[in-house]
PDB file of all heavy atoms in Angstrom:
ATOM      1  N   PRO A   1     -65.051  10.688  29.719  1.00  0.00           N
ATOM      2  CA  PRO A   1     -65.732   9.547  29.084  1.00  0.00           C
ATOM      3  C   PRO A   1     -67.046   9.231  29.799  1.00  0.00           C
ATOM      4  O   PRO A   1     -67.129   9.282  31.025  1.00  0.00           O
ATOM      5  CB  PRO A   1     -64.737   8.400  29.265  1.00  0.00           C
ATOM      6  CG  PRO A   1     -63.404   9.055  29.405  1.00  0.00           C
ATOM      7  CD  PRO A   1     -63.679  10.339  30.133  1.00  0.00           C
ATOM      8  N   SER A   2     -68.060   8.916  29.008  1.00  0.00           N
ATOM      9  CA  SER A   2     -69.354   8.558  29.582  1.00  0.00           C
ATOM     10  C   SER A   2     -69.384   7.068  29.888  1.00  0.00           C
ATOM     11  O   SER A   2     -68.610   6.295  29.321  1.00  0.00           O
ATOM     12  CB  SER A   2     -70.481   8.917  28.614  1.00  0.00           C
ATOM     13  OG  SER A   2     -70.481   8.032  27.515  1.00  0.00           O
ATOM     14  N   PRO A   3     -70.273   6.625  30.774  1.00  0.00           N
ATOM     15  CA  PRO A   3     -70.378   5.200  31.095  1.00  0.00           C
ATOM     16  C   PRO A   3     -70.716   4.338  29.873  1.00  0.00           C
ATOM     17  O   PRO A   3     -70.344   3.175  29.810  1.00  0.00           O
ATOM     18  CB  PRO A   3     -71.512   5.136  32.122  1.00  0.00           C
ATOM     19  CG  PRO A   3     -71.584   6.494  32.708  1.00  0.00           C
ATOM     20  CD  PRO A   3     -71.160   7.432  31.609  1.00  0.00           C
ATOM     21  N   ASN A   4     -71.412   4.923  28.911  1.00  0.00           N
ATOM     22  CA  ASN A   4     -71.801   4.180  27.705  1.00  0.00           C
ATOM     23  C   ASN A   4     -70.774   4.277  26.586  1.00  0.00           C
ATOM     24  O   ASN A   4     -70.986   3.738  25.506  1.00  0.00           O
ATOM     25  CB  ASN A   4     -73.156   4.687  27.193  1.00  0.00           C
ATOM     26  CG  ASN A   4     -74.256   4.424  28.184  1.00  0.00           C
ATOM     27  OD1 ASN A   4     -74.217   3.438  28.916  1.00  0.00           O
ATOM     28  ND2 ASN A   4     -75.228   5.302  28.238  1.00  0.00           N
ATOM     29  N   GLY A   5     -69.697   5.012  26.836  1.00  0.00           N
ATOM     30  CA  GLY A   5     -68.657   5.182  25.837  1.00  0.00           C
ATOM     31  C   GLY A   5     -68.753   6.530  25.151  1.00  0.00           C
ATOM     32  O   GLY A   5     -69.824   7.108  25.018  1.00  0.00           O
ATOM     33  N   GLY A   6     -67.631   7.035  24.736  1.00  0.00           N
ATOM     34  CA  GLY A   6     -67.572   8.309  24.037  1.00  0.00           C
ATOM     35  C   GLY A   6     -67.420   9.492  24.967  1.00  0.00           C
ATOM     36  O   GLY A   6     -67.603   9.389  26.182  1.00  0.00           O
ATOM     37  N   ARG A   7     -67.057  10.607  24.350  1.00  0.00           N
ATOM     38  CA  ARG A   7     -66.865  11.858  25.075  1.00  0.00           C
ATOM     39  C   ARG A   7     -67.574  12.975  24.320  1.00  0.00           C
ATOM     40  O   ARG A   7     -67.420  13.102  23.101  1.00  0.00           O
ATOM     41  CB  ARG A   7     -65.367  12.181  25.183  1.00  0.00           C
ATOM     42  CG  ARG A   7     -64.600  11.110  25.949  1.00  0.00           C
ATOM     43  CD  ARG A   7     -63.134  11.370  25.963  1.00  0.00           C
ATOM     44  NE  ARG A   7     -62.829  12.413  26.939  1.00  0.00           N
ATOM     45  CZ  ARG A   7     -61.607  12.663  27.387  1.00  0.00           C
ATOM     46  NH1 ARG A   7     -60.569  11.965  26.942  1.00  0.00           N
ATOM     47  NH2 ARG A   7     -61.404  13.616  28.258  1.00  0.00           N
ATOM     48  N   ARG A   8     -68.359  13.766  25.023  1.00  0.00           N
ATOM     49  CA  ARG A   8     -69.085  14.869  24.402  1.00  0.00           C
ATOM     50  C   ARG A   8     -68.114  15.982  24.035  1.00  0.00           C
ATOM     51  O   ARG A   8     -67.231  16.339  24.819  1.00  0.00           O
ATOM     52  CB  ARG A   8     -70.145  15.392  25.352  1.00  0.00           C
ATOM     53  CG  ARG A   8     -71.074  16.373  24.714  1.00  0.00           C
ATOM     54  CD  ARG A   8     -72.178  16.791  25.632  1.00  0.00           C
ATOM     55  NE  ARG A   8     -72.219  15.884  26.760  1.00  0.00           N
ATOM     56  CZ  ARG A   8     -72.955  16.033  27.837  1.00  0.00           C
ATOM     57  NH1 ARG A   8     -73.739  17.043  27.957  1.00  0.00           N
ATOM     58  NH2 ARG A   8     -72.921  15.176  28.815  1.00  0.00           N
ATOM     59  N   VAL A   9     -68.299  16.556  22.851  1.00  0.00           N
ATOM     60  CA  VAL A   9     -67.456  17.647  22.366  1.00  0.00           C
ATOM     61  C   VAL A   9     -68.328  18.888  22.208  1.00  0.00           C
ATOM     62  O   VAL A   9     -69.363  18.844  21.548  1.00  0.00           O
ATOM     63  CB  VAL A   9     -66.806  17.286  21.009  1.00  0.00           C
ATOM     64  CG1 VAL A   9     -65.939  18.438  20.510  1.00  0.00           C
ATOM     65  CG2 VAL A   9     -65.988  16.004  21.132  1.00  0.00           C
ATOM     66  N   ARG A  10     -67.888  19.994  22.836  1.00  0.00           N
ATOM     67  CA  ARG A  10     -68.609  21.269  22.752  1.00  0.00           C
ATOM     68  C   ARG A  10     -67.665  22.347  22.262  1.00  0.00           C
ATOM     69  O   ARG A  10     -66.483  22.366  22.612  1.00  0.00           O
ATOM     70  CB  ARG A  10     -69.110  21.708  24.121  1.00  0.00           C
ATOM     71  CG  ARG A  10     -70.190  20.893  24.693  1.00  0.00           C
ATOM     72  CD  ARG A  10     -70.727  21.517  25.972  1.00  0.00           C
ATOM     73  NE  ARG A  10     -69.705  22.300  26.661  1.00  0.00           N
ATOM     74  CZ  ARG A  10     -69.566  22.350  27.969  1.00  0.00           C
ATOM     75  NH1 ARG A  10     -70.365  21.686  28.743  1.00  0.00           N
ATOM     76  NH2 ARG A  10     -68.623  23.077  28.523  1.00  0.00           N
ATOM     77  N   VAL A  11     -68.220  23.258  21.486  1.00  0.00           N
ATOM     78  CA  VAL A  11     -67.497  24.462  21.079  1.00  0.00           C
ATOM     79  C   VAL A  11     -68.387  25.644  21.417  1.00  0.00           C
ATOM     80  O   VAL A  11     -69.514  25.728  20.930  1.00  0.00           O
ATOM     81  CB  VAL A  11     -67.155  24.459  19.576  1.00  0.00           C
ATOM     82  CG1 VAL A  11     -66.559  25.791  19.163  1.00  0.00           C
ATOM     83  CG2 VAL A  11     -66.196  23.336  19.240  1.00  0.00           C
ATOM     84  N   GLY A  12     -67.889  26.522  22.281  1.00  0.00           N
ATOM     85  CA  GLY A  12     -68.650  27.701  22.667  1.00  0.00           C
ATOM     86  C   GLY A  12     -70.019  27.389  23.236  1.00  0.00           C
ATOM     87  O   GLY A  12     -70.973  28.112  23.002  1.00  0.00           O
ATOM     88  N   GLY A  13     -70.150  26.280  23.939  1.00  0.00           N
ATOM     89  CA  GLY A  13     -71.412  25.905  24.539  1.00  0.00           C
ATOM     90  C   GLY A  13     -72.306  25.062  23.648  1.00  0.00           C
ATOM     91  O   GLY A  13     -73.300  24.515  24.108  1.00  0.00           O
ATOM     92  N   GLU A  14     -71.987  24.947  22.367  1.00  0.00           N
ATOM     93  CA  GLU A  14     -72.776  24.127  21.445  1.00  0.00           C
ATOM     94  C   GLU A  14     -72.209  22.713  21.391  1.00  0.00           C
ATOM     95  O   GLU A  14     -71.012  22.521  21.156  1.00  0.00           O
ATOM     96  CB  GLU A  14     -72.749  24.724  20.043  1.00  0.00           C
ATOM     97  CG  GLU A  14     -73.509  23.909  19.029  1.00  0.00           C
ATOM     98  CD  GLU A  14     -73.430  24.486  17.632  1.00  0.00           C
ATOM     99  OE1 GLU A  14     -72.993  25.635  17.467  1.00  0.00           O
ATOM    100  OE2 GLU A  14     -73.799  23.766  16.691  1.00  0.00           O
ATOM    101  N   ILE A  15     -73.053  21.717  21.623  1.00  0.00           N
ATOM    102  CA  ILE A  15     -72.612  20.327  21.556  1.00  0.00           C
ATOM    103  C   ILE A  15     -72.488  19.926  20.094  1.00  0.00           C
ATOM    104  O   ILE A  15     -73.438  20.047  19.324  1.00  0.00           O
ATOM    105  CB  ILE A  15     -73.589  19.399  22.298  1.00  0.00           C
ATOM    106  CG1 ILE A  15     -73.612  19.746  23.782  1.00  0.00           C
ATOM    107  CG2 ILE A  15     -73.196  17.934  22.095  1.00  0.00           C
ATOM    108  CD1 ILE A  15     -74.687  19.029  24.574  1.00  0.00           C
ATOM    109  N   LEU A  16     -71.307  19.444  19.723  1.00  0.00           N
ATOM    110  CA  LEU A  16     -71.055  19.025  18.344  1.00  0.00           C
ATOM    111  C   LEU A  16     -71.313  17.549  18.135  1.00  0.00           C
ATOM    112  O   LEU A  16     -71.596  17.122  17.022  1.00  0.00           O
ATOM    113  CB  LEU A  16     -69.608  19.349  17.948  1.00  0.00           C
ATOM    114  CG  LEU A  16     -69.201  20.810  18.034  1.00  0.00           C
ATOM    115  CD1 LEU A  16     -67.758  20.971  17.568  1.00  0.00           C
ATOM    116  CD2 LEU A  16     -70.136  21.683  17.219  1.00  0.00           C
ATOM    117  N   GLY A  17     -71.170  16.756  19.194  1.00  0.00           N
ATOM    118  CA  GLY A  17     -71.417  15.334  19.061  1.00  0.00           C
ATOM    119  C   GLY A  17     -70.669  14.539  20.098  1.00  0.00           C
ATOM    120  O   GLY A  17     -70.027  15.086  20.995  1.00  0.00           O
ATOM    121  N   LEU A  18     -70.759  13.221  19.945  1.00  0.00           N
ATOM    122  CA  LEU A  18     -70.108  12.284  20.847  1.00  0.00           C
ATOM    123  C   LEU A  18     -68.939  11.648  20.106  1.00  0.00           C
ATOM    124  O   LEU A  18     -69.132  10.986  19.084  1.00  0.00           O
ATOM    125  CB  LEU A  18     -71.117  11.227  21.291  1.00  0.00           C
ATOM    126  CG  LEU A  18     -70.748  10.354  22.478  1.00  0.00           C
ATOM    127  CD1 LEU A  18     -70.533  11.192  23.725  1.00  0.00           C
ATOM    128  CD2 LEU A  18     -71.841   9.325  22.714  1.00  0.00           C
ATOM    129  N   ALA A  19     -67.737  11.873  20.619  1.00  0.00           N
ATOM    130  CA  ALA A  19     -66.520  11.374  19.976  1.00  0.00           C
ATOM    131  C   ALA A  19     -66.086  10.066  20.617  1.00  0.00           C
ATOM    132  O   ALA A  19     -66.224   9.876  21.823  1.00  0.00           O
ATOM    133  CB  ALA A  19     -65.400  12.405  20.108  1.00  0.00           C
ATOM    134  N   TYR A  20     -65.561   9.175  19.792  1.00  0.00           N
ATOM    135  CA  TYR A  20     -65.053   7.881  20.268  1.00  0.00           C
ATOM    136  C   TYR A  20     -63.547   7.747  20.067  1.00  0.00           C
ATOM    137  O   TYR A  20     -62.987   6.692  20.299  1.00  0.00           O
ATOM    138  CB  TYR A  20     -65.804   6.747  19.575  1.00  0.00           C
ATOM    139  CG  TYR A  20     -67.243   6.690  20.008  1.00  0.00           C
ATOM    140  CD1 TYR A  20     -68.216   7.375  19.312  1.00  0.00           C
ATOM    141  CD2 TYR A  20     -67.608   5.997  21.165  1.00  0.00           C
ATOM    142  CE1 TYR A  20     -69.540   7.354  19.736  1.00  0.00           C
ATOM    143  CE2 TYR A  20     -68.929   5.977  21.596  1.00  0.00           C
ATOM    144  CZ  TYR A  20     -69.877   6.653  20.870  1.00  0.00           C
ATOM    145  OH  TYR A  20     -71.179   6.643  21.300  1.00  0.00           O
ATOM    146  N   GLY A  21     -62.915   8.839  19.638  1.00  0.00           N
ATOM    147  CA  GLY A  21     -61.477   8.865  19.461  1.00  0.00           C
ATOM    148  C   GLY A  21     -61.050  10.240  18.988  1.00  0.00           C
ATOM    149  O   GLY A  21     -61.898  11.074  18.622  1.00  0.00           O
ATOM    150  N   PRO A  22     -59.749  10.506  18.970  1.00  0.00           N
ATOM    151  CA  PRO A  22     -59.247  11.818  18.544  1.00  0.00           C
ATOM    152  C   PRO A  22     -59.676  12.193  17.125  1.00  0.00           C
ATOM    153  O   PRO A  22     -59.901  13.366  16.831  1.00  0.00           O
ATOM    154  CB  PRO A  22     -57.727  11.674  18.643  1.00  0.00           C
ATOM    155  CG  PRO A  22     -57.511  10.585  19.626  1.00  0.00           C
ATOM    156  CD  PRO A  22     -58.668   9.639  19.450  1.00  0.00           C
ATOM    157  N   GLY A  23     -59.815  11.208  16.257  1.00  0.00           N
ATOM    158  CA  GLY A  23     -60.240  11.496  14.888  1.00  0.00           C
ATOM    159  C   GLY A  23     -61.635  12.091  14.836  1.00  0.00           C
ATOM    160  O   GLY A  23     -61.917  12.970  14.005  1.00  0.00           O
ATOM    161  N   ASP A  24     -62.514  11.616  15.721  1.00  0.00           N
ATOM    162  CA  ASP A  24     -63.864  12.179  15.794  1.00  0.00           C
ATOM    163  C   ASP A  24     -63.817  13.631  16.255  1.00  0.00           C
ATOM    164  O   ASP A  24     -64.525  14.488  15.719  1.00  0.00           O
ATOM    165  CB  ASP A  24     -64.742  11.376  16.747  1.00  0.00           C
ATOM    166  CG  ASP A  24     -65.064   9.988  16.263  1.00  0.00           C
ATOM    167  OD1 ASP A  24     -64.957   9.728  15.046  1.00  0.00           O
ATOM    168  OD2 ASP A  24     -65.422   9.146  17.111  1.00  0.00           O
ATOM    169  N   VAL A  25     -62.991  13.913  17.253  1.00  0.00           N
ATOM    170  CA  VAL A  25     -62.852  15.288  17.742  1.00  0.00           C
ATOM    171  C   VAL A  25     -62.375  16.178  16.598  1.00  0.00           C
ATOM    172  O   VAL A  25     -62.934  17.252  16.355  1.00  0.00           O
ATOM    173  CB  VAL A  25     -61.889  15.374  18.945  1.00  0.00           C
ATOM    174  CG1 VAL A  25     -61.687  16.827  19.366  1.00  0.00           C
ATOM    175  CG2 VAL A  25     -62.391  14.551  20.117  1.00  0.00           C
ATOM    176  N   ALA A  26     -61.351  15.735  15.883  1.00  0.00           N
ATOM    177  CA  ALA A  26     -60.818  16.513  14.761  1.00  0.00           C
ATOM    178  C   ALA A  26     -61.896  16.768  13.704  1.00  0.00           C
ATOM    179  O   ALA A  26     -61.998  17.879  13.170  1.00  0.00           O
ATOM    180  CB  ALA A  26     -59.621  15.794  14.138  1.00  0.00           C
ATOM    181  N   GLU A  27     -62.713  15.772  13.411  1.00  0.00           N
ATOM    182  CA  GLU A  27     -63.774  15.933  12.410  1.00  0.00           C
ATOM    183  C   GLU A  27     -64.844  16.913  12.883  1.00  0.00           C
ATOM    184  O   GLU A  27     -65.293  17.769  12.117  1.00  0.00           O
ATOM    185  CB  GLU A  27     -64.407  14.584  12.074  1.00  0.00           C
ATOM    186  CG  GLU A  27     -65.548  14.664  11.078  1.00  0.00           C
ATOM    187  CD  GLU A  27     -65.173  15.224   9.715  1.00  0.00           C
ATOM    188  OE1 GLU A  27     -63.971  15.323   9.376  1.00  0.00           O
ATOM    189  OE2 GLU A  27     -66.097  15.569   8.956  1.00  0.00           O
ATOM    190  N   PHE A  28     -65.241  16.834  14.145  1.00  0.00           N
ATOM    191  CA  PHE A  28     -66.216  17.793  14.670  1.00  0.00           C
ATOM    192  C   PHE A  28     -65.670  19.215  14.582  1.00  0.00           C
ATOM    193  O   PHE A  28     -66.402  20.139  14.211  1.00  0.00           O
ATOM    194  CB  PHE A  28     -66.579  17.479  16.122  1.00  0.00           C
ATOM    195  CG  PHE A  28     -67.367  16.210  16.314  1.00  0.00           C
ATOM    196  CD1 PHE A  28     -67.182  15.452  17.456  1.00  0.00           C
ATOM    197  CD2 PHE A  28     -68.284  15.775  15.384  1.00  0.00           C
ATOM    198  CE1 PHE A  28     -67.921  14.291  17.666  1.00  0.00           C
ATOM    199  CE2 PHE A  28     -69.023  14.617  15.577  1.00  0.00           C
ATOM    200  CZ  PHE A  28     -68.834  13.875  16.719  1.00  0.00           C
ATOM    201  N   LEU A  29     -64.399  19.389  14.924  1.00  0.00           N
ATOM    202  CA  LEU A  29     -63.792  20.717  14.865  1.00  0.00           C
ATOM    203  C   LEU A  29     -63.687  21.204  13.428  1.00  0.00           C
ATOM    204  O   LEU A  29     -63.915  22.387  13.148  1.00  0.00           O
ATOM    205  CB  LEU A  29     -62.430  20.715  15.551  1.00  0.00           C
ATOM    206  CG  LEU A  29     -62.449  20.395  17.046  1.00  0.00           C
ATOM    207  CD1 LEU A  29     -61.046  20.471  17.614  1.00  0.00           C
ATOM    208  CD2 LEU A  29     -63.401  21.296  17.795  1.00  0.00           C
ATOM    209  N   ARG A  30     -63.367  20.311  12.500  1.00  0.00           N
ATOM    210  CA  ARG A  30     -63.298  20.693  11.083  1.00  0.00           C
ATOM    211  C   ARG A  30     -64.658  21.195  10.612  1.00  0.00           C
ATOM    212  O   ARG A  30     -64.759  22.235   9.964  1.00  0.00           O
ATOM    213  CB  ARG A  30     -62.856  19.503  10.229  1.00  0.00           C
ATOM    214  CG  ARG A  30     -62.662  19.857   8.747  1.00  0.00           C
ATOM    215  CD  ARG A  30     -62.512  18.620   7.891  1.00  0.00           C
ATOM    216  NE  ARG A  30     -63.725  17.829   7.831  1.00  0.00           N
ATOM    217  CZ  ARG A  30     -64.801  18.124   7.088  1.00  0.00           C
ATOM    218  NH1 ARG A  30     -64.820  19.213   6.355  1.00  0.00           N
ATOM    219  NH2 ARG A  30     -65.855  17.323   7.086  1.00  0.00           N
ATOM    220  N   ARG A  31     -65.711  20.481  10.974  1.00  0.00           N
ATOM    221  CA  ARG A  31     -67.063  20.882  10.581  1.00  0.00           C
ATOM    222  C   ARG A  31     -67.462  22.217  11.205  1.00  0.00           C
ATOM    223  O   ARG A  31     -68.290  22.936  10.655  1.00  0.00           O
ATOM    224  CB  ARG A  31     -68.074  19.817  10.990  1.00  0.00           C
ATOM    225  CG  ARG A  31     -67.943  18.546  10.203  1.00  0.00           C
ATOM    226  CD  ARG A  31     -68.941  17.527  10.671  1.00  0.00           C
ATOM    227  NE  ARG A  31     -68.736  16.229  10.035  1.00  0.00           N
ATOM    228  CZ  ARG A  31     -69.453  15.168  10.299  1.00  0.00           C
ATOM    229  NH1 ARG A  31     -70.438  15.220  11.192  1.00  0.00           N
ATOM    230  NH2 ARG A  31     -69.205  14.035   9.683  1.00  0.00           N
ATOM    231  N   ALA A  32     -66.875  22.542  12.371  1.00  0.00           N
ATOM    232  CA  ALA A  32     -67.159  23.811  13.049  1.00  0.00           C
ATOM    233  C   ALA A  32     -66.271  24.944  12.542  1.00  0.00           C
ATOM    234  O   ALA A  32     -66.339  26.063  13.047  1.00  0.00           O
ATOM    235  CB  ALA A  32     -66.979  23.642  14.555  1.00  0.00           C
ATOM    236  N   GLY A  33     -65.430  24.663  11.528  1.00  0.00           N
ATOM    237  CA  GLY A  33     -64.576  25.688  10.952  1.00  0.00           C
ATOM    238  C   GLY A  33     -63.213  25.807  11.589  1.00  0.00           C
ATOM    239  O   GLY A  33     -62.480  26.749  11.323  1.00  0.00           O
ATOM    240  N   LEU A  34     -62.845  24.847  12.442  1.00  0.00           N
ATOM    241  CA  LEU A  34     -61.528  24.847  13.090  1.00  0.00           C
ATOM    242  C   LEU A  34     -60.668  23.750  12.456  1.00  0.00           C
ATOM    243  O   LEU A  34     -60.399  22.720  13.053  1.00  0.00           O
ATOM    244  CB  LEU A  34     -61.685  24.621  14.593  1.00  0.00           C
ATOM    245  CG  LEU A  34     -62.507  25.673  15.334  1.00  0.00           C
ATOM    246  CD1 LEU A  34     -62.831  25.214  16.741  1.00  0.00           C
ATOM    247  CD2 LEU A  34     -61.763  26.992  15.359  1.00  0.00           C
ATOM    248  N   ASP A  35     -60.258  23.999  11.219  1.00  0.00           N
ATOM    249  CA  ASP A  35     -59.581  22.983  10.410  1.00  0.00           C
ATOM    250  C   ASP A  35     -58.193  22.588  10.892  1.00  0.00           C
ATOM    251  O   ASP A  35     -57.812  21.435  10.796  1.00  0.00           O
ATOM    252  CB  ASP A  35     -59.450  23.456   8.963  1.00  0.00           C
ATOM    253  CG  ASP A  35     -60.790  23.563   8.269  1.00  0.00           C
ATOM    254  OD1 ASP A  35     -61.807  23.194   8.858  1.00  0.00           O
ATOM    255  OD2 ASP A  35     -60.796  24.026   7.121  1.00  0.00           O
ATOM    256  N   ASP A  36     -57.431  23.535  11.381  1.00  0.00           N
ATOM    257  CA  ASP A  36     -56.015  23.287  11.650  1.00  0.00           C
ATOM    258  C   ASP A  36     -55.700  23.089  13.126  1.00  0.00           C
ATOM    259  O   ASP A  36     -54.638  23.479  13.597  1.00  0.00           O
ATOM    260  CB  ASP A  36     -55.176  24.440  11.092  1.00  0.00           C
ATOM    261  CG  ASP A  36     -55.278  24.527   9.581  1.00  0.00           C
ATOM    262  OD1 ASP A  36     -55.381  23.466   8.933  1.00  0.00           O
ATOM    263  OD2 ASP A  36     -55.253  25.649   9.048  1.00  0.00           O
ATOM    264  N   VAL A  37     -56.597  22.472  13.860  1.00  0.00           N
ATOM    265  CA  VAL A  37     -56.386  22.245  15.292  1.00  0.00           C
ATOM    266  C   VAL A  37     -55.788  20.857  15.502  1.00  0.00           C
ATOM    267  O   VAL A  37     -56.344  19.861  15.053  1.00  0.00           O
ATOM    268  CB  VAL A  37     -57.710  22.377  16.075  1.00  0.00           C
ATOM    269  CG1 VAL A  37     -57.500  22.036  17.538  1.00  0.00           C
ATOM    270  CG2 VAL A  37     -58.287  23.771  15.921  1.00  0.00           C
ATOM    271  N   ASP A  38     -54.640  20.808  16.173  1.00  0.00           N
ATOM    272  CA  ASP A  38     -54.030  19.532  16.546  1.00  0.00           C
ATOM    273  C   ASP A  38     -54.672  19.091  17.851  1.00  0.00           C
ATOM    274  O   ASP A  38     -54.396  19.649  18.909  1.00  0.00           O
ATOM    275  CB  ASP A  38     -52.528  19.708  16.718  1.00  0.00           C
ATOM    276  CG  ASP A  38     -51.824  18.418  17.111  1.00  0.00           C
ATOM    277  OD1 ASP A  38     -52.501  17.418  17.436  1.00  0.00           O
ATOM    278  OD2 ASP A  38     -50.586  18.405  17.093  1.00  0.00           O
ATOM    279  N   VAL A  39     -55.568  18.098  17.773  1.00  0.00           N
ATOM    280  CA  VAL A  39     -56.328  17.709  18.963  1.00  0.00           C
ATOM    281  C   VAL A  39     -55.449  17.141  20.065  1.00  0.00           C
ATOM    282  O   VAL A  39     -55.849  17.135  21.226  1.00  0.00           O
ATOM    283  CB  VAL A  39     -57.474  16.727  18.632  1.00  0.00           C
ATOM    284  CG1 VAL A  39     -58.462  17.365  17.680  1.00  0.00           C
ATOM    285  CG2 VAL A  39     -56.969  15.431  18.082  1.00  0.00           C
ATOM    286  N   GLU A  40     -54.284  16.666  19.740  1.00  0.00           N
ATOM    287  CA  GLU A  40     -53.383  16.085  20.740  1.00  0.00           C
ATOM    288  C   GLU A  40     -52.702  17.152  21.604  1.00  0.00           C
ATOM    289  O   GLU A  40     -52.373  16.890  22.752  1.00  0.00           O
ATOM    290  CB  GLU A  40     -52.309  15.234  20.058  1.00  0.00           C
ATOM    291  CG  GLU A  40     -52.856  14.112  19.198  1.00  0.00           C
ATOM    292  CD  GLU A  40     -53.383  12.940  20.008  1.00  0.00           C
ATOM    293  OE1 GLU A  40     -52.901  12.718  21.121  1.00  0.00           O
ATOM    294  OE2 GLU A  40     -54.293  12.260  19.504  1.00  0.00           O
TER     295      GLU A  40
END
């Protein structure tokens, strides 16, 4: 977690965005083509 809130999500070195919860991580992964990943 960053001091300002959120956690950076990267796939293969590419930053996908700043997540504020597991749902954000799941959405970033879906957009990257990783649809069926259980983030938990």
